[in-house]
Amino acid sequence: MLPPELPPLPALTRAEGELIDRYLDVVDLLGRINPAHHGDTYRGLRAAQALVAKAAELRDALTLMHQRGETELHAATLARALRVLDGERRTARVTVPPLSGS
């Protein structure tokens, strides 16, 4: 049995796709650094080191969009793309988890 098919990505410009990809790269690294989640300091250190390069790539994606005249972010379309790419779960790792009932 095959897994259920994911919904298709909305139509994005190449620059918007790059923005989404770089944003999720940064989010994933921030989730690994988050001190509210279990992990070791070396893992956080490696993620923090990688974050510098990924943040620069995110900046470059936004700069390219701006230079090409893509001056407006289409939030609804980009949010749909983030949902298809599991952005809700990935961004949840950046937040402080709720208190447990114990």
PDB file of N, CA and C in Angstrom:
ATOM      1  N   MET A   1       0.838  -1.177   0.000  1.00  0.00           N
ATOM      2  CA  MET A   1       0.000   0.000   0.000  1.00  0.00           C
ATOM      3  C   MET A   1       0.886   1.244   0.000  1.00  0.00           C
ATOM      4  N   LEU A   2       0.590   2.151  -0.885  1.00  0.00           N
ATOM      5  CA  LEU A   2       1.354   3.384  -1.001  1.00  0.00           C
ATOM      6  C   LEU A   2       0.861   4.419   0.009  1.00  0.00           C
ATOM      7  N   PRO A   3       1.776   5.273   0.495  1.00  0.00           N
ATOM      8  CA  PRO A   3       1.331   6.349   1.396  1.00  0.00           C
ATOM      9  C   PRO A   3       0.447   7.328   0.644  1.00  0.00           C
ATOM     10  N   PRO A   4      -0.397   8.067   1.375  1.00  0.00           N
ATOM     11  CA  PRO A   4      -1.257   9.034   0.686  1.00  0.00           C
ATOM     12  C   PRO A   4      -0.426  10.090  -0.023  1.00  0.00           C
ATOM     13  N   GLU A   5      -0.930  10.516  -1.158  1.00  0.00           N
ATOM     14  CA  GLU A   5      -0.221  11.512  -1.955  1.00  0.00           C
ATOM     15  C   GLU A   5      -0.364  12.888  -1.313  1.00  0.00           C
ATOM     16  N   LEU A   6       0.744  13.613  -1.264  1.00  0.00           N
ATOM     17  CA  LEU A   6       0.725  14.969  -0.720  1.00  0.00           C
ATOM     18  C   LEU A   6      -0.004  15.896  -1.688  1.00  0.00           C
ATOM     19  N   PRO A   7      -0.622  16.959  -1.170  1.00  0.00           N
ATOM     20  CA  PRO A   7      -1.220  17.935  -2.078  1.00  0.00           C
ATOM     21  C   PRO A   7      -0.112  18.608  -2.887  1.00  0.00           C
ATOM     22  N   PRO A   8      -0.432  19.058  -4.079  1.00  0.00           N
ATOM     23  CA  PRO A   8       0.610  19.690  -4.892  1.00  0.00           C
ATOM     24  C   PRO A   8       1.028  21.031  -4.301  1.00  0.00           C
ATOM     25  N   LEU A   9       2.268  21.368  -4.557  1.00  0.00           N
ATOM     26  CA  LEU A   9       2.749  22.698  -4.180  1.00  0.00           C
ATOM     27  C   LEU A   9       2.028  23.734  -5.025  1.00  0.00           C
ATOM     28  N   PRO A  10       1.719  24.878  -4.442  1.00  0.00           N
ATOM     29  CA  PRO A  10       1.139  25.943  -5.271  1.00  0.00           C
ATOM     30  C   PRO A  10       2.192  26.450  -6.253  1.00  0.00           C
ATOM     31  N   ALA A  11       1.726  27.108  -7.291  1.00  0.00           N
ATOM     32  CA  ALA A  11       2.648  27.680  -8.279  1.00  0.00           C
ATOM     33  C   ALA A  11       3.467  28.782  -7.615  1.00  0.00           C
ATOM     34  N   LEU A  12       4.777  28.643  -7.676  1.00  0.00           N
ATOM     35  CA  LEU A  12       5.698  29.621  -7.100  1.00  0.00           C
ATOM     36  C   LEU A  12       6.696  30.046  -8.160  1.00  0.00           C
ATOM     37  N   THR A  13       7.179  31.266  -8.044  1.00  0.00           N
ATOM     38  CA  THR A  13       8.309  31.650  -8.881  1.00  0.00           C
ATOM     39  C   THR A  13       9.533  30.903  -8.364  1.00  0.00           C
ATOM     40  N   ARG A  14      10.552  30.859  -9.162  1.00  0.00           N
ATOM     41  CA  ARG A  14      11.791  30.204  -8.721  1.00  0.00           C
ATOM     42  C   ARG A  14      12.327  30.889  -7.460  1.00  0.00           C
ATOM     43  N   ALA A  15      12.237  32.203  -7.405  1.00  0.00           N
ATOM     44  CA  ALA A  15      12.719  32.952  -6.244  1.00  0.00           C
ATOM     45  C   ALA A  15      11.880  32.649  -5.001  1.00  0.00           C
ATOM     46  N   GLU A  16      10.557  32.522  -5.168  1.00  0.00           N
ATOM     47  CA  GLU A  16       9.707  32.178  -4.025  1.00  0.00           C
ATOM     48  C   GLU A  16      10.024  30.770  -3.518  1.00  0.00           C
ATOM     49  N   GLY A  17      10.270  29.857  -4.437  1.00  0.00           N
ATOM     50  CA  GLY A  17      10.658  28.504  -4.032  1.00  0.00           C
ATOM     51  C   GLY A  17      11.959  28.499  -3.265  1.00  0.00           C
ATOM     52  N   GLU A  18      12.904  29.302  -3.728  1.00  0.00           N
ATOM     53  CA  GLU A  18      14.187  29.427  -3.035  1.00  0.00           C
ATOM     54  C   GLU A  18      13.984  30.034  -1.640  1.00  0.00           C
ATOM     55  N   LEU A  19      13.132  31.043  -1.536  1.00  0.00           N
ATOM     56  CA  LEU A  19      12.827  31.661  -0.247  1.00  0.00           C
ATOM     57  C   LEU A  19      12.263  30.624   0.723  1.00  0.00           C
ATOM     58  N   ILE A  20      11.287  29.848   0.280  1.00  0.00           N
ATOM     59  CA  ILE A  20      10.677  28.829   1.133  1.00  0.00           C
ATOM     60  C   ILE A  20      11.724  27.807   1.574  1.00  0.00           C
ATOM     61  N   ASP A  21      12.528  27.331   0.644  1.00  0.00           N
ATOM     62  CA  ASP A  21      13.561  26.338   0.980  1.00  0.00           C
ATOM     63  C   ASP A  21      14.560  26.877   1.985  1.00  0.00           C
ATOM     64  N   ARG A  22      15.037  28.086   1.774  1.00  0.00           N
ATOM     65  CA  ARG A  22      16.034  28.656   2.693  1.00  0.00           C
ATOM     66  C   ARG A  22      15.406  28.953   4.070  1.00  0.00           C
ATOM     67  N   TYR A  23      14.159  29.423   4.064  1.00  0.00           N
ATOM     68  CA  TYR A  23      13.454  29.681   5.324  1.00  0.00           C
ATOM     69  C   TYR A  23      13.350  28.394   6.138  1.00  0.00           C
ATOM     70  N   LEU A  24      12.960  27.310   5.499  1.00  0.00           N
ATOM     71  CA  LEU A  24      12.828  26.044   6.217  1.00  0.00           C
ATOM     72  C   LEU A  24      14.184  25.509   6.677  1.00  0.00           C
ATOM     73  N   ASP A  25      15.238  25.765   5.912  1.00  0.00           N
ATOM     74  CA  ASP A  25      16.586  25.395   6.376  1.00  0.00           C
ATOM     75  C   ASP A  25      16.911  26.097   7.693  1.00  0.00           C
ATOM     76  N   VAL A  26      16.629  27.396   7.737  1.00  0.00           N
ATOM     77  CA  VAL A  26      16.905  28.182   8.953  1.00  0.00           C
ATOM     78  C   VAL A  26      16.039  27.692  10.107  1.00  0.00           C
ATOM     79  N   VAL A  27      14.764  27.436   9.838  1.00  0.00           N
ATOM     80  CA  VAL A  27      13.856  26.958  10.882  1.00  0.00           C
ATOM     81  C   VAL A  27      14.341  25.622  11.449  1.00  0.00           C
ATOM     82  N   ASP A  28      14.766  24.713  10.571  1.00  0.00           N
ATOM     83  CA  ASP A  28      15.251  23.414  11.036  1.00  0.00           C
ATOM     84  C   ASP A  28      16.460  23.576  11.958  1.00  0.00           C
ATOM     85  N   LEU A  29      17.360  24.466  11.588  1.00  0.00           N
ATOM     86  CA  LEU A  29      18.538  24.692  12.429  1.00  0.00           C
ATOM     87  C   LEU A  29      18.155  25.340  13.758  1.00  0.00           C
ATOM     88  N   LEU A  30      17.253  26.313  13.732  1.00  0.00           N
ATOM     89  CA  LEU A  30      16.807  26.929  14.982  1.00  0.00           C
ATOM     90  C   LEU A  30      16.137  25.899  15.888  1.00  0.00           C
ATOM     91  N   GLY A  31      15.404  24.974  15.299  1.00  0.00           N
ATOM     92  CA  GLY A  31      14.792  23.910  16.084  1.00  0.00           C
ATOM     93  C   GLY A  31      15.829  23.031  16.758  1.00  0.00           C
ATOM     94  N   ARG A  32      16.958  22.800  16.101  1.00  0.00           N
ATOM     95  CA  ARG A  32      18.034  21.994  16.706  1.00  0.00           C
ATOM     96  C   ARG A  32      18.769  22.757  17.808  1.00  0.00           C
ATOM     97  N   ILE A  33      18.753  24.075  17.720  1.00  0.00           N
ATOM     98  CA  ILE A  33      19.436  24.912  18.717  1.00  0.00           C
ATOM     99  C   ILE A  33      18.550  25.160  19.933  1.00  0.00           C
ATOM    100  N   ASN A  34      17.244  25.090  19.777  1.00  0.00           N
ATOM    101  CA  ASN A  34      16.276  25.460  20.816  1.00  0.00           C
ATOM    102  C   ASN A  34      16.623  24.810  22.156  1.00  0.00           C
ATOM    103  N   PRO A  35      16.970  25.605  23.175  1.00  0.00           N
ATOM    104  CA  PRO A  35      17.354  25.040  24.473  1.00  0.00           C
ATOM    105  C   PRO A  35      16.176  24.445  25.240  1.00  0.00           C
ATOM    106  N   ALA A  36      14.963  24.666  24.791  1.00  0.00           N
ATOM    107  CA  ALA A  36      13.791  24.093  25.464  1.00  0.00           C
ATOM    108  C   ALA A  36      13.560  22.637  25.051  1.00  0.00           C
ATOM    109  N   HIS A  37      14.331  22.147  24.083  1.00  0.00           N
ATOM    110  CA  HIS A  37      14.208  20.758  23.639  1.00  0.00           C
ATOM    111  C   HIS A  37      15.439  19.972  24.064  1.00  0.00           C
ATOM    112  N   HIS A  38      15.234  18.683  24.282  1.00  0.00           N
ATOM    113  CA  HIS A  38      16.325  17.809  24.700  1.00  0.00           C
ATOM    114  C   HIS A  38      17.369  17.711  23.596  1.00  0.00           C
ATOM    115  N   GLY A  39      18.602  17.713  23.962  1.00  0.00           N
ATOM    116  CA  GLY A  39      19.702  17.574  23.022  1.00  0.00           C
ATOM    117  C   GLY A  39      21.002  17.900  23.721  1.00  0.00           C
ATOM    118  N   ASP A  40      22.095  17.767  23.003  1.00  0.00           N
ATOM    119  CA  ASP A  40      23.384  18.079  23.615  1.00  0.00           C
ATOM    120  C   ASP A  40      23.942  19.380  23.045  1.00  0.00           C
ATOM    121  N   THR A  41      24.904  19.927  23.742  1.00  0.00           N
ATOM    122  CA  THR A  41      25.447  21.224  23.335  1.00  0.00           C
ATOM    123  C   THR A  41      26.192  21.136  22.007  1.00  0.00           C
ATOM    124  N   TYR A  42      26.829  20.006  21.723  1.00  0.00           N
ATOM    125  CA  TYR A  42      27.568  19.882  20.466  1.00  0.00           C
ATOM    126  C   TYR A  42      26.619  19.956  19.275  1.00  0.00           C
ATOM    127  N   ARG A  43      25.470  19.304  19.401  1.00  0.00           N
ATOM    128  CA  ARG A  43      24.471  19.356  18.333  1.00  0.00           C
ATOM    129  C   ARG A  43      24.021  20.799  18.111  1.00  0.00           C
ATOM    130  N   GLY A  44      23.747  21.525  19.197  1.00  0.00           N
ATOM    131  CA  GLY A  44      23.357  22.924  19.094  1.00  0.00           C
ATOM    132  C   GLY A  44      24.451  23.789  18.506  1.00  0.00           C
ATOM    133  N   LEU A  45      25.692  23.514  18.909  1.00  0.00           N
ATOM    134  CA  LEU A  45      26.827  24.272  18.386  1.00  0.00           C
ATOM    135  C   LEU A  45      26.959  24.079  16.881  1.00  0.00           C
ATOM    136  N   ARG A  46      26.864  22.843  16.421  1.00  0.00           N
ATOM    137  CA  ARG A  46      26.968  22.576  14.982  1.00  0.00           C
ATOM    138  C   ARG A  46      25.847  23.263  14.212  1.00  0.00           C
ATOM    139  N   ALA A  47      24.637  23.228  14.770  1.00  0.00           N
ATOM    140  CA  ALA A  47      23.508  23.893  14.119  1.00  0.00           C
ATOM    141  C   ALA A  47      23.719  25.402  14.085  1.00  0.00           C
ATOM    142  N   ALA A  48      24.232  25.968  15.173  1.00  0.00           N
ATOM    143  CA  ALA A  48      24.477  27.413  15.219  1.00  0.00           C
ATOM    144  C   ALA A  48      25.543  27.825  14.201  1.00  0.00           C
ATOM    145  N   GLN A  49      26.553  26.993  14.041  1.00  0.00           N
ATOM    146  CA  GLN A  49      27.578  27.291  13.046  1.00  0.00           C
ATOM    147  C   GLN A  49      27.002  27.263  11.629  1.00  0.00           C
ATOM    148  N   ALA A  50      26.153  26.299  11.355  1.00  0.00           N
ATOM    149  CA  ALA A  50      25.535  26.187  10.032  1.00  0.00           C
ATOM    150  C   ALA A  50      24.517  27.299   9.793  1.00  0.00           C
ATOM    151  N   LEU A  51      23.928  27.795  10.874  1.00  0.00           N
ATOM    152  CA  LEU A  51      22.907  28.834  10.768  1.00  0.00           C
ATOM    153  C   LEU A  51      23.443  30.092  10.093  1.00  0.00           C
ATOM    154  N   VAL A  52      24.677  30.418  10.321  1.00  0.00           N
ATOM    155  CA  VAL A  52      25.273  31.617   9.725  1.00  0.00           C
ATOM    156  C   VAL A  52      25.186  31.552   8.199  1.00  0.00           C
ATOM    157  N   ALA A  53      25.593  30.432   7.638  1.00  0.00           N
ATOM    158  CA  ALA A  53      25.573  30.283   6.179  1.00  0.00           C
ATOM    159  C   ALA A  53      24.139  30.244   5.651  1.00  0.00           C
ATOM    160  N   LYS A  54      23.258  29.543   6.348  1.00  0.00           N
ATOM    161  CA  LYS A  54      21.869  29.426   5.891  1.00  0.00           C
ATOM    162  C   LYS A  54      21.144  30.766   5.984  1.00  0.00           C
ATOM    163  N   ALA A  55      21.447  31.550   7.006  1.00  0.00           N
ATOM    164  CA  ALA A  55      20.835  32.875   7.120  1.00  0.00           C
ATOM    165  C   ALA A  55      21.294  33.768   5.966  1.00  0.00           C
ATOM    166  N   ALA A  56      22.541  33.651   5.577  1.00  0.00           N
ATOM    167  CA  ALA A  56      23.041  34.421   4.438  1.00  0.00           C
ATOM    168  C   ALA A  56      22.347  33.989   3.150  1.00  0.00           C
ATOM    169  N   GLU A  57      22.092  32.677   2.995  1.00  0.00           N
ATOM    170  CA  GLU A  57      21.376  32.190   1.812  1.00  0.00           C
ATOM    171  C   GLU A  57      19.931  32.699   1.802  1.00  0.00           C
ATOM    172  N   LEU A  58      19.310  32.768   2.972  1.00  0.00           N
ATOM    173  CA  LEU A  58      17.953  33.316   3.073  1.00  0.00           C
ATOM    174  C   LEU A  58      17.955  34.791   2.687  1.00  0.00           C
ATOM    175  N   ARG A  59      18.921  35.528   3.200  1.00  0.00           N
ATOM    176  CA  ARG A  59      19.060  36.942   2.830  1.00  0.00           C
ATOM    177  C   ARG A  59      19.234  37.092   1.330  1.00  0.00           C
ATOM    178  N   ASP A  60      20.069  36.244   0.725  1.00  0.00           N
ATOM    179  CA  ASP A  60      20.324  36.323  -0.710  1.00  0.00           C
ATOM    180  C   ASP A  60      19.057  36.017  -1.513  1.00  0.00           C
ATOM    181  N   ALA A  61      18.251  35.065  -1.036  1.00  0.00           N
ATOM    182  CA  ALA A  61      16.997  34.750  -1.730  1.00  0.00           C
ATOM    183  C   ALA A  61      16.052  35.946  -1.703  1.00  0.00           C
ATOM    184  N   LEU A  62      15.957  36.599  -0.561  1.00  0.00           N
ATOM    185  CA  LEU A  62      15.104  37.788  -0.458  1.00  0.00           C
ATOM    186  C   LEU A  62      15.654  38.944  -1.274  1.00  0.00           C
ATOM    187  N   THR A  63      16.963  39.109  -1.290  1.00  0.00           N
ATOM    188  CA  THR A  63      17.589  40.160  -2.092  1.00  0.00           C
ATOM    189  C   THR A  63      17.305  39.953  -3.574  1.00  0.00           C
ATOM    190  N   LEU A  64      17.426  38.716  -4.033  1.00  0.00           N
ATOM    191  CA  LEU A  64      17.162  38.410  -5.427  1.00  0.00           C
ATOM    192  C   LEU A  64      15.705  38.702  -5.782  1.00  0.00           C
ATOM    193  N   MET A  65      14.784  38.320  -4.914  1.00  0.00           N
ATOM    194  CA  MET A  65      13.371  38.617  -5.161  1.00  0.00           C
ATOM    195  C   MET A  65      13.166  40.124  -5.311  1.00  0.00           C
ATOM    196  N   HIS A  66      13.748  40.877  -4.402  1.00  0.00           N
ATOM    197  CA  HIS A  66      13.588  42.333  -4.429  1.00  0.00           C
ATOM    198  C   HIS A  66      14.186  42.927  -5.713  1.00  0.00           C
ATOM    199  N   GLN A  67      15.366  42.459  -6.079  1.00  0.00           N
ATOM    200  CA  GLN A  67      16.020  42.969  -7.285  1.00  0.00           C
ATOM    201  C   GLN A  67      15.232  42.649  -8.547  1.00  0.00           C
ATOM    202  N   ARG A  68      14.528  41.531  -8.556  1.00  0.00           N
ATOM    203  CA  ARG A  68      13.723  41.131  -9.714  1.00  0.00           C
ATOM    204  C   ARG A  68      12.366  41.812  -9.745  1.00  0.00           C
ATOM    205  N   GLY A  69      12.110  42.644  -8.762  1.00  0.00           N
ATOM    206  CA  GLY A  69      10.841  43.347  -8.728  1.00  0.00           C
ATOM    207  C   GLY A  69       9.744  42.600  -8.000  1.00  0.00           C
ATOM    208  N   GLU A  70      10.077  41.478  -7.383  1.00  0.00           N
ATOM    209  CA  GLU A  70       9.097  40.737  -6.581  1.00  0.00           C
ATOM    210  C   GLU A  70       9.105  41.369  -5.190  1.00  0.00           C
ATOM    211  N   THR A  71       8.394  42.472  -5.054  1.00  0.00           N
ATOM    212  CA  THR A  71       8.461  43.250  -3.820  1.00  0.00           C
ATOM    213  C   THR A  71       7.378  42.891  -2.817  1.00  0.00           C
ATOM    214  N   GLU A  72       6.455  42.024  -3.218  1.00  0.00           N
ATOM    215  CA  GLU A  72       5.371  41.651  -2.314  1.00  0.00           C
ATOM    216  C   GLU A  72       5.413  40.148  -2.052  1.00  0.00           C
ATOM    217  N   LEU A  73       5.279  39.777  -0.778  1.00  0.00           N
ATOM    218  CA  LEU A  73       5.169  38.361  -0.426  1.00  0.00           C
ATOM    219  C   LEU A  73       3.692  37.982  -0.457  1.00  0.00           C
ATOM    220  N   HIS A  74       3.376  36.946  -1.186  1.00  0.00           N
ATOM    221  CA  HIS A  74       1.999  36.462  -1.281  1.00  0.00           C
ATOM    222  C   HIS A  74       1.800  35.438  -0.170  1.00  0.00           C
ATOM    223  N   ALA A  75       1.411  35.945   1.006  1.00  0.00           N
ATOM    224  CA  ALA A  75       1.400  35.150   2.232  1.00  0.00           C
ATOM    225  C   ALA A  75       0.538  33.900   2.128  1.00  0.00           C
ATOM    226  N   ALA A  76      -0.634  33.999   1.556  1.00  0.00           N
ATOM    227  CA  ALA A  76      -1.520  32.834   1.484  1.00  0.00           C
ATOM    228  C   ALA A  76      -0.883  31.716   0.653  1.00  0.00           C
ATOM    229  N   THR A  77      -0.299  32.076  -0.478  1.00  0.00           N
ATOM    230  CA  THR A  77       0.343  31.081  -1.343  1.00  0.00           C
ATOM    231  C   THR A  77       1.569  30.489  -0.671  1.00  0.00           C
ATOM    232  N   LEU A  78       2.377  31.339  -0.054  1.00  0.00           N
ATOM    233  CA  LEU A  78       3.586  30.853   0.613  1.00  0.00           C
ATOM    234  C   LEU A  78       3.230  30.000   1.828  1.00  0.00           C
ATOM    235  N   ALA A  79       2.174  30.346   2.535  1.00  0.00           N
ATOM    236  CA  ALA A  79       1.735  29.532   3.679  1.00  0.00           C
ATOM    237  C   ALA A  79       1.279  28.158   3.205  1.00  0.00           C
ATOM    238  N   ARG A  80       0.588  28.096   2.067  1.00  0.00           N
ATOM    239  CA  ARG A  80       0.183  26.788   1.517  1.00  0.00           C
ATOM    240  C   ARG A  80       1.407  25.946   1.190  1.00  0.00           C
ATOM    241  N   ALA A  81       2.411  26.565   0.603  1.00  0.00           N
ATOM    242  CA  ALA A  81       3.646  25.843   0.281  1.00  0.00           C
ATOM    243  C   ALA A  81       4.320  25.340   1.558  1.00  0.00           C
ATOM    244  N   LEU A  82       4.347  26.164   2.589  1.00  0.00           N
ATOM    245  CA  LEU A  82       4.948  25.742   3.861  1.00  0.00           C
ATOM    246  C   LEU A  82       4.204  24.555   4.447  1.00  0.00           C
ATOM    247  N   ARG A  83       2.881  24.565   4.364  1.00  0.00           N
ATOM    248  CA  ARG A  83       2.097  23.440   4.899  1.00  0.00           C
ATOM    249  C   ARG A  83       2.393  22.151   4.139  1.00  0.00           C
ATOM    250  N   VAL A  84       2.477  22.228   2.814  1.00  0.00           N
ATOM    251  CA  VAL A  84       2.778  21.043   2.011  1.00  0.00           C
ATOM    252  C   VAL A  84       4.153  20.495   2.377  1.00  0.00           C
ATOM    253  N   LEU A  85       5.082  21.372   2.704  1.00  0.00           N
ATOM    254  CA  LEU A  85       6.452  20.970   3.038  1.00  0.00           C
ATOM    255  C   LEU A  85       6.648  20.721   4.535  1.00  0.00           C
ATOM    256  N   ASP A  86       5.559  20.487   5.253  1.00  0.00           N
ATOM    257  CA  ASP A  86       5.597  20.131   6.676  1.00  0.00           C
ATOM    258  C   ASP A  86       6.109  21.281   7.544  1.00  0.00           C
ATOM    259  N   GLY A  87       5.849  22.496   7.104  1.00  0.00           N
ATOM    260  CA  GLY A  87       6.330  23.670   7.822  1.00  0.00           C
ATOM    261  C   GLY A  87       5.738  23.827   9.205  1.00  0.00           C
ATOM    262  N   GLU A  88       4.500  23.380   9.416  1.00  0.00           N
ATOM    263  CA  GLU A  88       3.893  23.524  10.745  1.00  0.00           C
ATOM    264  C   GLU A  88       4.650  22.698  11.780  1.00  0.00           C
ATOM    265  N   ARG A  89       4.987  21.454  11.448  1.00  0.00           N
ATOM    266  CA  ARG A  89       5.747  20.623  12.382  1.00  0.00           C
ATOM    267  C   ARG A  89       7.154  21.178  12.569  1.00  0.00           C
ATOM    268  N   ARG A  90       7.767  21.609  11.479  1.00  0.00           N
ATOM    269  CA  ARG A  90       9.142  22.078  11.550  1.00  0.00           C
ATOM    270  C   ARG A  90       9.257  23.374  12.352  1.00  0.00           C
ATOM    271  N   THR A  91       8.301  24.283  12.179  1.00  0.00           N
ATOM    272  CA  THR A  91       8.364  25.535  12.942  1.00  0.00           C
ATOM    273  C   THR A  91       7.974  25.330  14.400  1.00  0.00           C
ATOM    274  N   ALA A  92       7.214  24.286  14.702  1.00  0.00           N
ATOM    275  CA  ALA A  92       6.852  24.014  16.099  1.00  0.00           C
ATOM    276  C   ALA A  92       8.084  23.707  16.945  1.00  0.00           C
ATOM    277  N   ARG A  93       9.145  23.222  16.345  1.00  0.00           N
ATOM    278  CA  ARG A  93      10.373  22.919  17.094  1.00  0.00           C
ATOM    279  C   ARG A  93      11.094  24.184  17.567  1.00  0.00           C
ATOM    280  N   VAL A  94      10.722  25.332  16.996  1.00  0.00           N
ATOM    281  CA  VAL A  94      11.367  26.593  17.363  1.00  0.00           C
ATOM    282  C   VAL A  94      10.720  27.189  18.621  1.00  0.00           C
ATOM    283  N   THR A  95       9.487  26.844  18.900  1.00  0.00           N
ATOM    284  CA  THR A  95       8.756  27.435  20.015  1.00  0.00           C
ATOM    285  C   THR A  95       9.054  26.704  21.332  1.00  0.00           C
ATOM    286  N   VAL A  96       8.662  27.322  22.427  1.00  0.00           N
ATOM    287  CA  VAL A  96       8.775  26.696  23.749  1.00  0.00           C
ATOM    288  C   VAL A  96       7.607  25.732  23.899  1.00  0.00           C
ATOM    289  N   PRO A  97       7.885  24.463  24.225  1.00  0.00           N
ATOM    290  CA  PRO A  97       6.787  23.514  24.356  1.00  0.00           C
ATOM    291  C   PRO A  97       5.879  23.862  25.543  1.00  0.00           C
ATOM    292  N   PRO A  98       4.604  23.473  25.469  1.00  0.00           N
ATOM    293  CA  PRO A  98       3.702  23.750  26.597  1.00  0.00           C
ATOM    294  C   PRO A  98       4.116  22.963  27.837  1.00  0.00           C
ATOM    295  N   LEU A  99       3.705  23.454  29.004  1.00  0.00           N
ATOM    296  CA  LEU A  99       4.000  22.743  30.243  1.00  0.00           C
ATOM    297  C   LEU A  99       3.331  21.393  30.234  1.00  0.00           C
ATOM    298  N   SER A 100       4.025  20.381  30.743  1.00  0.00           N
ATOM    299  CA  SER A 100       3.408  19.060  30.825  1.00  0.00           C
ATOM    300  C   SER A 100       2.537  19.009  32.087  1.00  0.00           C
ATOM    301  N   GLY A 101       1.598  18.079  32.103  1.00  0.00           N
ATOM    302  CA  GLY A 101       0.655  17.976  33.211  1.00  0.00           C
ATOM    303  C   GLY A 101       1.207  17.293  34.451  1.00  0.00           C
ATOM    304  N   SER A 102       2.497  17.005  34.518  1.00  0.00           N
ATOM    305  CA  SER A 102       3.026  16.295  35.689  1.00  0.00           C
ATOM    306  C   SER A 102       3.571  17.193  36.755  1.00  0.00           C
TER     307      SER A 102
END
